[in-house]
Amino acid sequence: VTLHPKGNQMKYRETEFTVAPGETIRLVFENTATSPSMQHNVVVLVSTEEGIFQEVGEAGTRAGSTNDYIPQEENLRDQILAYTPMSKPGETVEVTFTVPEETGDYGYVCTFPGHWATMQGTMYVREEGAA
């Protein structure tokens, strides 16, 4: 699965993708942005709740660049399924992980400061797998 930013906006070009339960996927993020401020990552969450997006996004800001803007609070670690490293414009990053066995909707968000509010998407876990 490959994701990209939408130009130099704080948005993903691909706002959804579908995978099969229990499948191991390689999630690639190609940062095709050109503006230096458009650093991005992909953090896959256990939920699509806006409140979780906000909590994880704000905690990512608190975690800072030394932690790649990945939340360090223990209570939020179980909200995160997987995450890519932070990418600068022109960089490609990836993470390989096993999709949950439970079908449902799982959100993903960029945790670079201020991006979480608009840079969101949904990973659909369905029996029929990738569409």
Protein backbone atom coordinates (compact mmCIF):
# COMPACT_ATOMS: atom_id res chain seq x y z
CA VAL A 1 0.00 0.00 0.00
CA THR A 2 1.50 3.34 -1.05
CA LEU A 3 0.30 6.71 0.22
CA HIS A 4 1.28 10.25 -0.82
CA PRO A 5 0.60 13.79 0.38
CA LYS A 6 -1.81 15.90 -1.65
CA GLY A 7 0.69 18.39 -3.10
CA ASN A 8 1.91 20.78 -0.41
CA GLN A 9 -1.34 20.51 1.55
CA MET A 10 -1.70 18.90 4.97
CA LYS A 11 -3.75 16.09 3.43
CA TYR A 12 -3.19 12.57 2.18
CA ARG A 13 -3.88 12.06 -1.54
CA GLU A 14 -5.19 8.56 -0.71
CA THR A 15 -7.70 8.87 2.12
CA GLU A 16 -8.62 5.17 2.24
CA PHE A 17 -7.42 1.69 1.42
CA THR A 18 -8.76 -1.81 2.02
CA VAL A 19 -6.86 -4.85 3.33
CA ALA A 20 -7.73 -8.34 4.53
CA PRO A 21 -7.82 -9.33 8.23
CA GLY A 22 -4.53 -10.74 9.52
CA GLU A 23 -2.68 -9.79 6.32
CA THR A 24 0.90 -8.53 6.62
CA ILE A 25 1.19 -5.33 4.64
CA ARG A 26 4.01 -3.01 3.69
CA LEU A 27 2.77 0.56 4.07
CA VAL A 28 4.90 2.98 2.07
CA PHE A 29 4.69 6.77 2.26
CA GLU A 30 6.27 8.68 -0.64
CA ASN A 31 6.58 12.29 0.44
CA THR A 32 6.19 14.04 -2.93
CA ALA A 33 5.68 17.46 -1.31
CA THR A 34 8.18 20.19 -2.18
CA SER A 35 7.71 22.65 0.69
CA PRO A 36 10.26 22.08 3.52
CA SER A 37 7.49 22.42 6.14
CA MET A 38 5.61 19.45 4.67
CA GLN A 39 7.18 16.70 6.77
CA HIS A 40 4.82 13.78 7.18
CA ASN A 41 4.36 10.31 8.64
CA VAL A 42 1.56 7.77 8.73
CA VAL A 43 0.33 6.59 12.14
CA VAL A 44 -2.27 3.79 11.92
CA LEU A 45 -4.74 3.83 14.81
CA VAL A 46 -7.16 1.30 16.32
CA SER A 47 -10.09 3.67 15.81
CA THR A 48 -11.57 6.30 13.49
CA GLU A 49 -12.83 8.42 16.38
CA GLU A 50 -12.00 12.11 15.95
CA GLY A 51 -11.14 12.32 19.66
CA ILE A 52 -8.44 9.66 19.25
CA PHE A 53 -7.04 11.45 16.18
CA GLN A 54 -6.80 14.62 18.25
CA GLU A 55 -5.29 12.93 21.32
CA VAL A 56 -2.64 11.14 19.25
CA GLY A 57 -1.95 14.23 17.13
CA GLU A 58 -1.47 16.51 20.12
CA ALA A 59 0.60 13.88 21.94
CA GLY A 60 2.78 13.59 18.83
CA THR A 61 3.51 17.31 19.06
CA ARG A 62 4.47 16.90 22.74
CA ALA A 63 6.73 13.95 21.84
CA GLY A 64 8.76 16.24 19.60
CA SER A 65 11.16 15.64 16.75
CA THR A 66 13.52 13.44 18.79
CA ASN A 67 10.68 10.88 19.01
CA ASP A 68 9.61 11.38 15.36
CA TYR A 69 6.41 12.98 16.75
CA ILE A 70 5.17 9.56 17.89
CA PRO A 71 3.24 9.76 21.19
CA GLN A 72 5.18 8.45 24.16
CA GLU A 73 2.33 8.43 26.72
CA GLU A 74 1.65 4.88 27.86
CA ASN A 75 -2.14 5.32 27.65
CA LEU A 76 -1.89 6.20 23.94
CA ARG A 77 0.54 3.47 22.87
CA ASP A 78 -2.31 0.94 22.69
CA GLN A 79 -4.17 3.27 20.29
CA ILE A 80 -1.39 2.91 17.69
CA LEU A 81 -1.16 -0.16 15.43
CA ALA A 82 1.88 0.93 13.39
CA TYR A 83 3.73 4.01 12.18
CA THR A 84 6.25 5.11 9.61
CA PRO A 85 9.22 7.30 10.44
CA MET A 86 8.85 11.02 9.72
CA SER A 87 9.68 11.89 6.11
CA LYS A 88 11.01 15.11 4.67
CA PRO A 89 9.91 16.20 1.17
CA GLY A 90 11.42 13.81 -1.38
CA GLU A 91 11.87 10.96 1.12
CA THR A 92 10.11 7.60 1.12
CA VAL A 93 9.50 5.76 4.40
CA GLU A 94 7.72 2.52 5.21
CA VAL A 95 6.54 0.15 7.88
CA THR A 96 5.52 -3.50 7.68
CA PHE A 97 2.86 -4.72 10.08
CA THR A 98 0.14 -7.30 10.51
CA VAL A 99 -3.40 -6.02 10.07
CA PRO A 100 -5.78 -6.82 12.96
CA GLU A 101 -7.83 -10.01 12.63
CA GLU A 102 -10.95 -8.01 13.47
CA THR A 103 -12.74 -6.44 10.51
CA GLY A 104 -13.60 -2.79 10.86
CA ASP A 105 -12.37 0.72 10.20
CA TYR A 106 -8.98 1.90 11.42
CA GLY A 107 -7.87 5.49 11.06
CA TYR A 108 -4.52 6.89 10.05
CA VAL A 109 -3.14 10.32 10.71
CA CYS A 110 0.01 12.44 10.35
CA THR A 111 1.42 13.46 13.73
CA PHE A 112 3.70 16.28 12.54
CA PRO A 113 2.64 19.34 14.60
CA GLY A 114 -0.68 20.73 13.40
CA HIS A 115 -1.23 18.18 10.63
CA TRP A 116 -3.54 15.71 12.44
CA ALA A 117 -6.67 17.88 12.00
CA THR A 118 -6.74 17.62 8.20
CA MET A 119 -4.31 14.81 7.36
CA GLN A 120 -6.44 11.74 8.05
CA GLY A 121 -7.58 8.59 6.32
CA THR A 122 -9.18 5.19 6.90
CA MET A 123 -7.84 1.66 6.54
CA TYR A 124 -10.79 -0.67 5.92
CA VAL A 125 -10.23 -4.23 7.11
CA ARG A 126 -12.64 -6.44 5.15
CA GLU A 127 -12.93 -10.18 4.51
CA GLU A 128 -12.79 -9.58 0.76
CA GLY A 129 -9.42 -7.86 1.21
CA ALA A 130 -7.80 -5.28 -1.00
CA ALA A 131 -10.14 -3.64 -3.47
